[in-house]
Amino acid sequence: MLKIKKFNIYEIAYLTFAFDSLLKVDLFGLRLHIGVVI
């Protein structure tokens, strides 16, 4: 049986940057990536 290991919160924050503009939001006058916010 294939066992999929989980990523920790730091790895998840890192992985989000591979999606770039797909995960960007406007916040306090800045356009920031979700990974940056995390």
PDB file of all heavy atoms in Angstrom:
ATOM      1  N   MET A   1       0.855  -1.203   0.000  1.00  0.00           N
ATOM      2  CA  MET A   1       0.000   0.000   0.000  1.00  0.00           C
ATOM      3  C   MET A   1       0.886   1.247   0.000  1.00  0.00           C
ATOM      4  O   MET A   1       1.845   1.346   0.756  1.00  0.00           O
ATOM      5  CB  MET A   1      -0.914   0.003   1.233  1.00  0.00           C
ATOM      6  CG  MET A   1      -1.857   1.195   1.288  1.00  0.00           C
ATOM      7  SD  MET A   1      -2.945   1.078   2.742  1.00  0.00           S
ATOM      8  CE  MET A   1      -3.865   2.596   2.548  1.00  0.00           C
ATOM      9  N   LEU A   2       0.539   2.155  -0.900  1.00  0.00           N
ATOM     10  CA  LEU A   2       1.309   3.389  -1.014  1.00  0.00           C
ATOM     11  C   LEU A   2       1.057   4.285   0.188  1.00  0.00           C
ATOM     12  O   LEU A   2      -0.077   4.582   0.539  1.00  0.00           O
ATOM     13  CB  LEU A   2       0.915   4.144  -2.291  1.00  0.00           C
ATOM     14  CG  LEU A   2       1.643   5.467  -2.551  1.00  0.00           C
ATOM     15  CD1 LEU A   2       3.138   5.212  -2.753  1.00  0.00           C
ATOM     16  CD2 LEU A   2       1.043   6.174  -3.755  1.00  0.00           C
ATOM     17  N   LYS A   3       2.133   4.699   0.829  1.00  0.00           N
ATOM     18  CA  LYS A   3       2.024   5.561   1.996  1.00  0.00           C
ATOM     19  C   LYS A   3       2.498   6.966   1.648  1.00  0.00           C
ATOM     20  O   LYS A   3       3.635   7.158   1.240  1.00  0.00           O
ATOM     21  CB  LYS A   3       2.868   4.998   3.154  1.00  0.00           C
ATOM     22  CG  LYS A   3       2.719   5.790   4.446  1.00  0.00           C
ATOM     23  CD  LYS A   3       3.528   5.160   5.567  1.00  0.00           C
ATOM     24  CE  LYS A   3       3.369   5.954   6.863  1.00  0.00           C
ATOM     25  NZ  LYS A   3       4.172   5.339   7.966  1.00  0.00           N
ATOM     26  N   ILE A   4       1.605   7.917   1.765  1.00  0.00           N
ATOM     27  CA  ILE A   4       1.929   9.304   1.447  1.00  0.00           C
ATOM     28  C   ILE A   4       2.288  10.044   2.731  1.00  0.00           C
ATOM     29  O   ILE A   4       1.480  10.140   3.651  1.00  0.00           O
ATOM     30  CB  ILE A   4       0.739  10.007   0.752  1.00  0.00           C
ATOM     31  CG1 ILE A   4       0.391   9.272  -0.544  1.00  0.00           C
ATOM     32  CG2 ILE A   4       1.086  11.460   0.463  1.00  0.00           C
ATOM     33  CD1 ILE A   4      -0.828   9.836  -1.246  1.00  0.00           C
ATOM     34  N   LYS A   5       3.497  10.529   2.798  1.00  0.00           N
ATOM     35  CA  LYS A   5       3.953  11.252   3.978  1.00  0.00           C
ATOM     36  C   LYS A   5       3.442  12.690   3.936  1.00  0.00           C
ATOM     37  O   LYS A   5       3.380  13.314   2.884  1.00  0.00           O
ATOM     38  CB  LYS A   5       5.476  11.241   4.044  1.00  0.00           C
ATOM     39  CG  LYS A   5       6.077   9.854   4.230  1.00  0.00           C
ATOM     40  CD  LYS A   5       7.595   9.938   4.305  1.00  0.00           C
ATOM     41  CE  LYS A   5       8.190   8.552   4.486  1.00  0.00           C
ATOM     42  NZ  LYS A   5       9.684   8.606   4.544  1.00  0.00           N
ATOM     43  N   LYS A   6       3.126  13.198   5.087  1.00  0.00           N
ATOM     44  CA  LYS A   6       2.618  14.559   5.180  1.00  0.00           C
ATOM     45  C   LYS A   6       3.770  15.555   5.208  1.00  0.00           C
ATOM     46  O   LYS A   6       4.876  15.243   5.629  1.00  0.00           O
ATOM     47  CB  LYS A   6       1.766  14.720   6.443  1.00  0.00           C
ATOM     48  CG  LYS A   6       0.490  13.890   6.442  1.00  0.00           C
ATOM     49  CD  LYS A   6      -0.289  14.117   7.729  1.00  0.00           C
ATOM     50  CE  LYS A   6      -1.571  13.296   7.747  1.00  0.00           C
ATOM     51  NZ  LYS A   6      -2.332  13.491   9.019  1.00  0.00           N
ATOM     52  N   PHE A   7       3.472  16.769   4.751  1.00  0.00           N
ATOM     53  CA  PHE A   7       4.431  17.857   4.836  1.00  0.00           C
ATOM     54  C   PHE A   7       4.129  18.690   6.073  1.00  0.00           C
ATOM     55  O   PHE A   7       2.952  18.872   6.443  1.00  0.00           O
ATOM     56  CB  PHE A   7       4.353  18.755   3.593  1.00  0.00           C
ATOM     57  CG  PHE A   7       4.817  18.077   2.329  1.00  0.00           C
ATOM     58  CD1 PHE A   7       3.917  17.762   1.321  1.00  0.00           C
ATOM     59  CD2 PHE A   7       6.149  17.758   2.152  1.00  0.00           C
ATOM     60  CE1 PHE A   7       4.332  17.152   0.155  1.00  0.00           C
ATOM     61  CE2 PHE A   7       6.593  17.138   0.989  1.00  0.00           C
ATOM     62  CZ  PHE A   7       5.685  16.826  -0.012  1.00  0.00           C
ATOM     63  N   ASN A   8       5.167  19.202   6.717  1.00  0.00           N
ATOM     64  CA  ASN A   8       4.939  20.068   7.874  1.00  0.00           C
ATOM     65  C   ASN A   8       4.572  21.471   7.429  1.00  0.00           C
ATOM     66  O   ASN A   8       4.601  21.792   6.227  1.00  0.00           O
ATOM     67  CB  ASN A   8       6.175  20.074   8.797  1.00  0.00           C
ATOM     68  CG  ASN A   8       7.425  20.591   8.094  1.00  0.00           C
ATOM     69  OD1 ASN A   8       7.409  21.639   7.459  1.00  0.00           O
ATOM     70  ND2 ASN A   8       8.526  19.851   8.198  1.00  0.00           N
ATOM     71  N   ILE A   9       4.234  22.343   8.370  1.00  0.00           N
ATOM     72  CA  ILE A   9       3.749  23.685   8.063  1.00  0.00           C
ATOM     73  C   ILE A   9       4.790  24.508   7.313  1.00  0.00           C
ATOM     74  O   ILE A   9       4.464  25.321   6.439  1.00  0.00           O
ATOM     75  CB  ILE A   9       3.303  24.420   9.364  1.00  0.00           C
ATOM     76  CG1 ILE A   9       2.692  25.784   9.021  1.00  0.00           C
ATOM     77  CG2 ILE A   9       4.469  24.557  10.333  1.00  0.00           C
ATOM     78  CD1 ILE A   9       1.436  25.720   8.207  1.00  0.00           C
ATOM     79  N   TYR A  10       6.069  24.298   7.626  1.00  0.00           N
ATOM     80  CA  TYR A  10       7.133  25.050   6.951  1.00  0.00           C
ATOM     81  C   TYR A  10       7.264  24.595   5.500  1.00  0.00           C
ATOM     82  O   TYR A  10       7.491  25.418   4.596  1.00  0.00           O
ATOM     83  CB  TYR A  10       8.461  24.869   7.695  1.00  0.00           C
ATOM     84  CG  TYR A  10       8.346  25.145   9.171  1.00  0.00           C
ATOM     85  CD1 TYR A  10       8.481  24.115  10.105  1.00  0.00           C
ATOM     86  CD2 TYR A  10       8.090  26.437   9.635  1.00  0.00           C
ATOM     87  CE1 TYR A  10       8.367  24.372  11.461  1.00  0.00           C
ATOM     88  CE2 TYR A  10       7.964  26.695  10.994  1.00  0.00           C
ATOM     89  CZ  TYR A  10       8.103  25.658  11.902  1.00  0.00           C
ATOM     90  OH  TYR A  10       7.984  25.921  13.241  1.00  0.00           O
ATOM     91  N   GLU A  11       7.131  23.296   5.273  1.00  0.00           N
ATOM     92  CA  GLU A  11       7.192  22.779   3.908  1.00  0.00           C
ATOM     93  C   GLU A  11       5.973  23.213   3.102  1.00  0.00           C
ATOM     94  O   GLU A  11       6.088  23.522   1.913  1.00  0.00           O
ATOM     95  CB  GLU A  11       7.289  21.254   3.946  1.00  0.00           C
ATOM     96  CG  GLU A  11       8.612  20.747   4.497  1.00  0.00           C
ATOM     97  CD  GLU A  11       8.650  19.253   4.663  1.00  0.00           C
ATOM     98  OE1 GLU A  11       7.592  18.670   5.019  1.00  0.00           O
ATOM     99  OE2 GLU A  11       9.714  18.654   4.445  1.00  0.00           O
ATOM    100  N   ILE A  12       4.817  23.260   3.738  1.00  0.00           N
ATOM    101  CA  ILE A  12       3.605  23.713   3.051  1.00  0.00           C
ATOM    102  C   ILE A  12       3.747  25.173   2.622  1.00  0.00           C
ATOM    103  O   ILE A  12       3.398  25.545   1.494  1.00  0.00           O
ATOM    104  CB  ILE A  12       2.370  23.532   3.959  1.00  0.00           C
ATOM    105  CG1 ILE A  12       2.069  22.044   4.143  1.00  0.00           C
ATOM    106  CG2 ILE A  12       1.152  24.247   3.371  1.00  0.00           C
ATOM    107  CD1 ILE A  12       0.988  21.752   5.161  1.00  0.00           C
ATOM    108  N   ALA A  13       4.268  26.009   3.527  1.00  0.00           N
ATOM    109  CA  ALA A  13       4.500  27.421   3.188  1.00  0.00           C
ATOM    110  C   ALA A  13       5.437  27.525   1.994  1.00  0.00           C
ATOM    111  O   ALA A  13       5.218  28.323   1.073  1.00  0.00           O
ATOM    112  CB  ALA A  13       5.073  28.158   4.390  1.00  0.00           C
ATOM    113  N   TYR A  14       6.494  26.711   1.991  1.00  0.00           N
ATOM    114  CA  TYR A  14       7.460  26.703   0.886  1.00  0.00           C
ATOM    115  C   TYR A  14       6.808  26.252  -0.416  1.00  0.00           C
ATOM    116  O   TYR A  14       6.970  26.875  -1.475  1.00  0.00           O
ATOM    117  CB  TYR A  14       8.632  25.801   1.279  1.00  0.00           C
ATOM    118  CG  TYR A  14       9.468  25.265   0.155  1.00  0.00           C
ATOM    119  CD1 TYR A  14      10.212  26.106  -0.679  1.00  0.00           C
ATOM    120  CD2 TYR A  14       9.546  23.878  -0.071  1.00  0.00           C
ATOM    121  CE1 TYR A  14      10.992  25.589  -1.695  1.00  0.00           C
ATOM    122  CE2 TYR A  14      10.337  23.361  -1.074  1.00  0.00           C
ATOM    123  CZ  TYR A  14      11.050  24.219  -1.891  1.00  0.00           C
ATOM    124  OH  TYR A  14      11.828  23.711  -2.898  1.00  0.00           O
ATOM    125  N   LEU A  15       6.020  25.180  -0.366  1.00  0.00           N
ATOM    126  CA  LEU A  15       5.408  24.620  -1.568  1.00  0.00           C
ATOM    127  C   LEU A  15       4.392  25.569  -2.209  1.00  0.00           C
ATOM    128  O   LEU A  15       4.211  25.549  -3.434  1.00  0.00           O
ATOM    129  CB  LEU A  15       4.734  23.284  -1.244  1.00  0.00           C
ATOM    130  CG  LEU A  15       5.673  22.118  -0.915  1.00  0.00           C
ATOM    131  CD1 LEU A  15       4.880  20.926  -0.408  1.00  0.00           C
ATOM    132  CD2 LEU A  15       6.495  21.728  -2.132  1.00  0.00           C
ATOM    133  N   THR A  16       3.748  26.396  -1.406  1.00  0.00           N
ATOM    134  CA  THR A  16       2.748  27.311  -1.970  1.00  0.00           C
ATOM    135  C   THR A  16       3.357  28.283  -2.971  1.00  0.00           C
ATOM    136  O   THR A  16       2.668  28.743  -3.899  1.00  0.00           O
ATOM    137  CB  THR A  16       2.051  28.120  -0.862  1.00  0.00           C
ATOM    138  OG1 THR A  16       3.020  28.930  -0.164  1.00  0.00           O
ATOM    139  CG2 THR A  16       1.316  27.229   0.107  1.00  0.00           C
ATOM    140  N   PHE A  17       4.643  28.583  -2.832  1.00  0.00           N
ATOM    141  CA  PHE A  17       5.275  29.554  -3.724  1.00  0.00           C
ATOM    142  C   PHE A  17       5.411  29.023  -5.148  1.00  0.00           C
ATOM    143  O   PHE A  17       5.621  29.816  -6.078  1.00  0.00           O
ATOM    144  CB  PHE A  17       6.648  29.961  -3.176  1.00  0.00           C
ATOM    145  CG  PHE A  17       6.566  30.901  -2.012  1.00  0.00           C
ATOM    146  CD1 PHE A  17       6.538  30.407  -0.715  1.00  0.00           C
ATOM    147  CD2 PHE A  17       6.502  32.274  -2.204  1.00  0.00           C
ATOM    148  CE1 PHE A  17       6.458  31.264   0.369  1.00  0.00           C
ATOM    149  CE2 PHE A  17       6.414  33.140  -1.124  1.00  0.00           C
ATOM    150  CZ  PHE A  17       6.391  32.634   0.176  1.00  0.00           C
ATOM    151  N   ALA A  18       5.311  27.723  -5.341  1.00  0.00           N
ATOM    152  CA  ALA A  18       5.366  27.166  -6.698  1.00  0.00           C
ATOM    153  C   ALA A  18       4.116  27.528  -7.496  1.00  0.00           C
ATOM    154  O   ALA A  18       4.124  27.451  -8.734  1.00  0.00           O
ATOM    155  CB  ALA A  18       5.531  25.645  -6.636  1.00  0.00           C
ATOM    156  N   PHE A  19       3.032  27.925  -6.801  1.00  0.00           N
ATOM    157  CA  PHE A  19       1.789  28.308  -7.474  1.00  0.00           C
ATOM    158  C   PHE A  19       1.716  29.811  -7.748  1.00  0.00           C
ATOM    159  O   PHE A  19       0.808  30.278  -8.420  1.00  0.00           O
ATOM    160  CB  PHE A  19       0.580  27.887  -6.625  1.00  0.00           C
ATOM    161  CG  PHE A  19       0.440  26.400  -6.457  1.00  0.00           C
ATOM    162  CD1 PHE A  19       0.972  25.749  -5.347  1.00  0.00           C
ATOM    163  CD2 PHE A  19      -0.215  25.645  -7.414  1.00  0.00           C
ATOM    164  CE1 PHE A  19       0.845  24.378  -5.195  1.00  0.00           C
ATOM    165  CE2 PHE A  19      -0.354  24.268  -7.263  1.00  0.00           C
ATOM    166  CZ  PHE A  19       0.180  23.635  -6.152  1.00  0.00           C
ATOM    167  N   ASP A  20       2.627  30.567  -7.189  1.00  0.00           N
ATOM    168  CA  ASP A  20       2.785  32.002  -7.389  1.00  0.00           C
ATOM    169  C   ASP A  20       1.446  32.760  -7.455  1.00  0.00           C
ATOM    170  O   ASP A  20       0.718  32.794  -6.472  1.00  0.00           O
ATOM    171  CB  ASP A  20       3.621  32.280  -8.633  1.00  0.00           C
ATOM    172  CG  ASP A  20       4.151  33.708  -8.654  1.00  0.00           C
ATOM    173  OD1 ASP A  20       4.899  34.064  -7.726  1.00  0.00           O
ATOM    174  OD2 ASP A  20       3.789  34.476  -9.557  1.00  0.00           O
ATOM    175  N   SER A  21       1.121  33.366  -8.598  1.00  0.00           N
ATOM    176  CA  SER A  21      -0.016  34.297  -8.692  1.00  0.00           C
ATOM    177  C   SER A  21      -1.357  33.652  -8.398  1.00  0.00           C
ATOM    178  O   SER A  21      -2.334  34.353  -8.091  1.00  0.00           O
ATOM    179  CB  SER A  21      -0.058  34.938 -10.083  1.00  0.00           C
ATOM    180  OG  SER A  21       1.076  35.755 -10.281  1.00  0.00           O
ATOM    181  N   LEU A  22      -1.439  32.336  -8.501  1.00  0.00           N
ATOM    182  CA  LEU A  22      -2.687  31.634  -8.179  1.00  0.00           C
ATOM    183  C   LEU A  22      -3.073  31.840  -6.722  1.00  0.00           C
ATOM    184  O   LEU A  22      -4.259  31.800  -6.373  1.00  0.00           O
ATOM    185  CB  LEU A  22      -2.532  30.138  -8.466  1.00  0.00           C
ATOM    186  CG  LEU A  22      -3.772  29.262  -8.278  1.00  0.00           C
ATOM    187  CD1 LEU A  22      -4.826  29.606  -9.334  1.00  0.00           C
ATOM    188  CD2 LEU A  22      -3.398  27.784  -8.372  1.00  0.00           C
ATOM    189  N   LEU A  23      -2.070  32.106  -5.856  1.00  0.00           N
ATOM    190  CA  LEU A  23      -2.316  32.220  -4.415  1.00  0.00           C
ATOM    191  C   LEU A  23      -1.967  33.607  -3.869  1.00  0.00           C
ATOM    192  O   LEU A  23      -1.593  33.732  -2.714  1.00  0.00           O
ATOM    193  CB  LEU A  23      -1.511  31.142  -3.668  1.00  0.00           C
ATOM    194  CG  LEU A  23      -1.851  29.690  -4.013  1.00  0.00           C
ATOM    195  CD1 LEU A  23      -0.955  28.737  -3.234  1.00  0.00           C
ATOM    196  CD2 LEU A  23      -3.317  29.389  -3.731  1.00  0.00           C
ATOM    197  N   LYS A  24      -2.099  34.636  -4.672  1.00  0.00           N
ATOM    198  CA  LYS A  24      -1.821  35.998  -4.206  1.00  0.00           C
ATOM    199  C   LYS A  24      -3.118  36.722  -3.860  1.00  0.00           C
ATOM    200  O   LYS A  24      -4.138  36.572  -4.534  1.00  0.00           O
ATOM    201  CB  LYS A  24      -1.050  36.795  -5.268  1.00  0.00           C
ATOM    202  CG  LYS A  24       0.406  36.382  -5.392  1.00  0.00           C
ATOM    203  CD  LYS A  24       1.150  37.237  -6.411  1.00  0.00           C
ATOM    204  CE  LYS A  24       2.610  36.824  -6.511  1.00  0.00           C
ATOM    205  NZ  LYS A  24       3.350  37.588  -7.537  1.00  0.00           N
ATOM    206  N   VAL A  25      -3.048  37.531  -2.800  1.00  0.00           N
ATOM    207  CA  VAL A  25      -4.218  38.279  -2.345  1.00  0.00           C
ATOM    208  C   VAL A  25      -3.810  39.719  -2.048  1.00  0.00           C
ATOM    209  O   VAL A  25      -2.641  40.008  -1.798  1.00  0.00           O
ATOM    210  CB  VAL A  25      -4.825  37.657  -1.063  1.00  0.00           C
ATOM    211  CG1 VAL A  25      -5.361  36.268  -1.351  1.00  0.00           C
ATOM    212  CG2 VAL A  25      -3.788  37.595   0.049  1.00  0.00           C
ATOM    213  N   ASP A  26      -4.779  40.630  -2.089  1.00  0.00           N
ATOM    214  CA  ASP A  26      -4.531  42.024  -1.726  1.00  0.00           C
ATOM    215  C   ASP A  26      -4.707  42.182  -0.221  1.00  0.00           C
ATOM    216  O   ASP A  26      -5.753  41.833   0.337  1.00  0.00           O
ATOM    217  CB  ASP A  26      -5.499  42.948  -2.473  1.00  0.00           C
ATOM    218  CG  ASP A  26      -5.242  42.947  -3.972  1.00  0.00           C
ATOM    219  OD1 ASP A  26      -4.056  42.957  -4.361  1.00  0.00           O
ATOM    220  OD2 ASP A  26      -6.211  42.932  -4.749  1.00  0.00           O
ATOM    221  N   LEU A  27      -3.682  42.736   0.439  1.00  0.00           N
ATOM    222  CA  LEU A  27      -3.708  42.855   1.890  1.00  0.00           C
ATOM    223  C   LEU A  27      -2.993  44.132   2.307  1.00  0.00           C
ATOM    224  O   LEU A  27      -1.797  44.312   2.029  1.00  0.00           O
ATOM    225  CB  LEU A  27      -3.027  41.633   2.520  1.00  0.00           C
ATOM    226  CG  LEU A  27      -3.221  41.403   4.017  1.00  0.00           C
ATOM    227  CD1 LEU A  27      -4.683  41.104   4.321  1.00  0.00           C
ATOM    228  CD2 LEU A  27      -2.339  40.244   4.492  1.00  0.00           C
ATOM    229  N   PHE A  28      -3.731  45.051   2.939  1.00  0.00           N
ATOM    230  CA  PHE A  28      -3.165  46.307   3.457  1.00  0.00           C
ATOM    231  C   PHE A  28      -2.438  47.104   2.371  1.00  0.00           C
ATOM    232  O   PHE A  28      -1.369  47.670   2.597  1.00  0.00           O
ATOM    233  CB  PHE A  28      -2.204  46.038   4.623  1.00  0.00           C
ATOM    234  CG  PHE A  28      -2.800  45.262   5.757  1.00  0.00           C
ATOM    235  CD1 PHE A  28      -2.283  44.033   6.114  1.00  0.00           C
ATOM    236  CD2 PHE A  28      -3.905  45.760   6.448  1.00  0.00           C
ATOM    237  CE1 PHE A  28      -2.840  43.314   7.151  1.00  0.00           C
ATOM    238  CE2 PHE A  28      -4.472  45.052   7.494  1.00  0.00           C
ATOM    239  CZ  PHE A  28      -3.947  43.828   7.849  1.00  0.00           C
ATOM    240  N   GLY A  29      -3.015  47.130   1.168  1.00  0.00           N
ATOM    241  CA  GLY A  29      -2.412  47.896   0.087  1.00  0.00           C
ATOM    242  C   GLY A  29      -1.298  47.173  -0.640  1.00  0.00           C
ATOM    243  O   GLY A  29      -0.736  47.713  -1.601  1.00  0.00           O
ATOM    244  N   LEU A  30      -0.947  45.962  -0.205  1.00  0.00           N
ATOM    245  CA  LEU A  30       0.084  45.166  -0.849  1.00  0.00           C
ATOM    246  C   LEU A  30      -0.540  43.919  -1.469  1.00  0.00           C
ATOM    247  O   LEU A  30      -1.509  43.385  -0.964  1.00  0.00           O
ATOM    248  CB  LEU A  30       1.155  44.735   0.152  1.00  0.00           C
ATOM    249  CG  LEU A  30       1.981  45.829   0.830  1.00  0.00           C
ATOM    250  CD1 LEU A  30       2.853  45.211   1.907  1.00  0.00           C
ATOM    251  CD2 LEU A  30       2.841  46.568  -0.178  1.00  0.00           C
ATOM    252  N   ARG A  31       0.026  43.496  -2.580  1.00  0.00           N
ATOM    253  CA  ARG A  31      -0.412  42.223  -3.162  1.00  0.00           C
ATOM    254  C   ARG A  31       0.578  41.166  -2.702  1.00  0.00           C
ATOM    255  O   ARG A  31       1.718  41.119  -3.167  1.00  0.00           O
ATOM    256  CB  ARG A  31      -0.454  42.308  -4.685  1.00  0.00           C
ATOM    257  CG  ARG A  31      -1.036  41.050  -5.330  1.00  0.00           C
ATOM    258  CD  ARG A  31      -1.551  41.297  -6.719  1.00  0.00           C
ATOM    259  NE  ARG A  31      -2.130  40.109  -7.307  1.00  0.00           N
ATOM    260  CZ  ARG A  31      -3.350  39.638  -7.035  1.00  0.00           C
ATOM    261  NH1 ARG A  31      -4.104  40.278  -6.167  1.00  0.00           N
ATOM    262  NH2 ARG A  31      -3.801  38.557  -7.617  1.00  0.00           N
ATOM    263  N   LEU A  32       0.128  40.332  -1.776  1.00  0.00           N
ATOM    264  CA  LEU A  32       1.020  39.368  -1.139  1.00  0.00           C
ATOM    265  C   LEU A  32       0.612  37.932  -1.437  1.00  0.00           C
ATOM    266  O   LEU A  32      -0.572  37.635  -1.627  1.00  0.00           O
ATOM    267  CB  LEU A  32       1.036  39.579   0.377  1.00  0.00           C
ATOM    268  CG  LEU A  32       1.587  40.912   0.892  1.00  0.00           C
ATOM    269  CD1 LEU A  32       1.457  40.975   2.401  1.00  0.00           C
ATOM    270  CD2 LEU A  32       3.035  41.095   0.467  1.00  0.00           C
ATOM    271  N   HIS A  33       1.584  37.079  -1.450  1.00  0.00           N
ATOM    272  CA  HIS A  33       1.355  35.655  -1.644  1.00  0.00           C
ATOM    273  C   HIS A  33       0.905  35.021  -0.323  1.00  0.00           C
ATOM    274  O   HIS A  33       1.317  35.457   0.753  1.00  0.00           O
ATOM    275  CB  HIS A  33       2.650  35.000  -2.128  1.00  0.00           C
ATOM    276  CG  HIS A  33       2.490  33.617  -2.634  1.00  0.00           C
ATOM    277  ND1 HIS A  33       2.486  32.516  -1.805  1.00  0.00           N
ATOM    278  CD2 HIS A  33       2.306  33.144  -3.889  1.00  0.00           C
ATOM    279  CE1 HIS A  33       2.325  31.431  -2.522  1.00  0.00           C
ATOM    280  NE2 HIS A  33       2.214  31.773  -3.790  1.00  0.00           N
ATOM    281  N   ILE A  34       0.061  34.005  -0.426  1.00  0.00           N
ATOM    282  CA  ILE A  34      -0.413  33.300   0.764  1.00  0.00           C
ATOM    283  C   ILE A  34       0.761  32.761   1.579  1.00  0.00           C
ATOM    284  O   ILE A  34       0.758  32.795   2.821  1.00  0.00           O
ATOM    285  CB  ILE A  34      -1.353  32.142   0.371  1.00  0.00           C
ATOM    286  CG1 ILE A  34      -2.680  32.685  -0.171  1.00  0.00           C
ATOM    287  CG2 ILE A  34      -1.605  31.226   1.560  1.00  0.00           C
ATOM    288  CD1 ILE A  34      -3.500  33.457   0.837  1.00  0.00           C
ATOM    289  N   GLY A  35       1.786  32.278   0.889  1.00  0.00           N
ATOM    290  CA  GLY A  35       2.969  31.773   1.576  1.00  0.00           C
ATOM    291  C   GLY A  35       3.668  32.849   2.390  1.00  0.00           C
ATOM    292  O   GLY A  35       4.151  32.594   3.502  1.00  0.00           O
ATOM    293  N   VAL A  36       3.720  34.070   1.850  1.00  0.00           N
ATOM    294  CA  VAL A  36       4.308  35.202   2.577  1.00  0.00           C
ATOM    295  C   VAL A  36       3.505  35.483   3.840  1.00  0.00           C
ATOM    296  O   VAL A  36       4.069  35.708   4.915  1.00  0.00           O
ATOM    297  CB  VAL A  36       4.366  36.458   1.683  1.00  0.00           C
ATOM    298  CG1 VAL A  36       4.767  37.693   2.492  1.00  0.00           C
ATOM    299  CG2 VAL A  36       5.350  36.263   0.534  1.00  0.00           C
ATOM    300  N   VAL A  37       2.190  35.480   3.706  1.00  0.00           N
ATOM    301  CA  VAL A  37       1.307  35.744   4.853  1.00  0.00           C
ATOM    302  C   VAL A  37       1.514  34.687   5.940  1.00  0.00           C
ATOM    303  O   VAL A  37       1.623  35.017   7.132  1.00  0.00           O
ATOM    304  CB  VAL A  37      -0.171  35.777   4.403  1.00  0.00           C
ATOM    305  CG1 VAL A  37      -1.088  35.978   5.614  1.00  0.00           C
ATOM    306  CG2 VAL A  37      -0.395  36.881   3.381  1.00  0.00           C
ATOM    307  N   ILE A  38       1.591  33.413   5.539  1.00  0.00           N
ATOM    308  CA  ILE A  38       1.816  32.328   6.501  1.00  0.00           C
ATOM    309  C   ILE A  38       3.130  32.530   7.246  1.00  0.00           C
ATOM    310  O   ILE A  38       3.202  32.425   8.477  1.00  0.00           O
ATOM    311  CB  ILE A  38       1.818  30.959   5.787  1.00  0.00           C
ATOM    312  CG1 ILE A  38       0.428  30.645   5.224  1.00  0.00           C
ATOM    313  CG2 ILE A  38       2.266  29.843   6.748  1.00  0.00           C
ATOM    314  CD1 ILE A  38       0.399  29.403   4.351  1.00  0.00           C
TER     315      ILE A  38
END
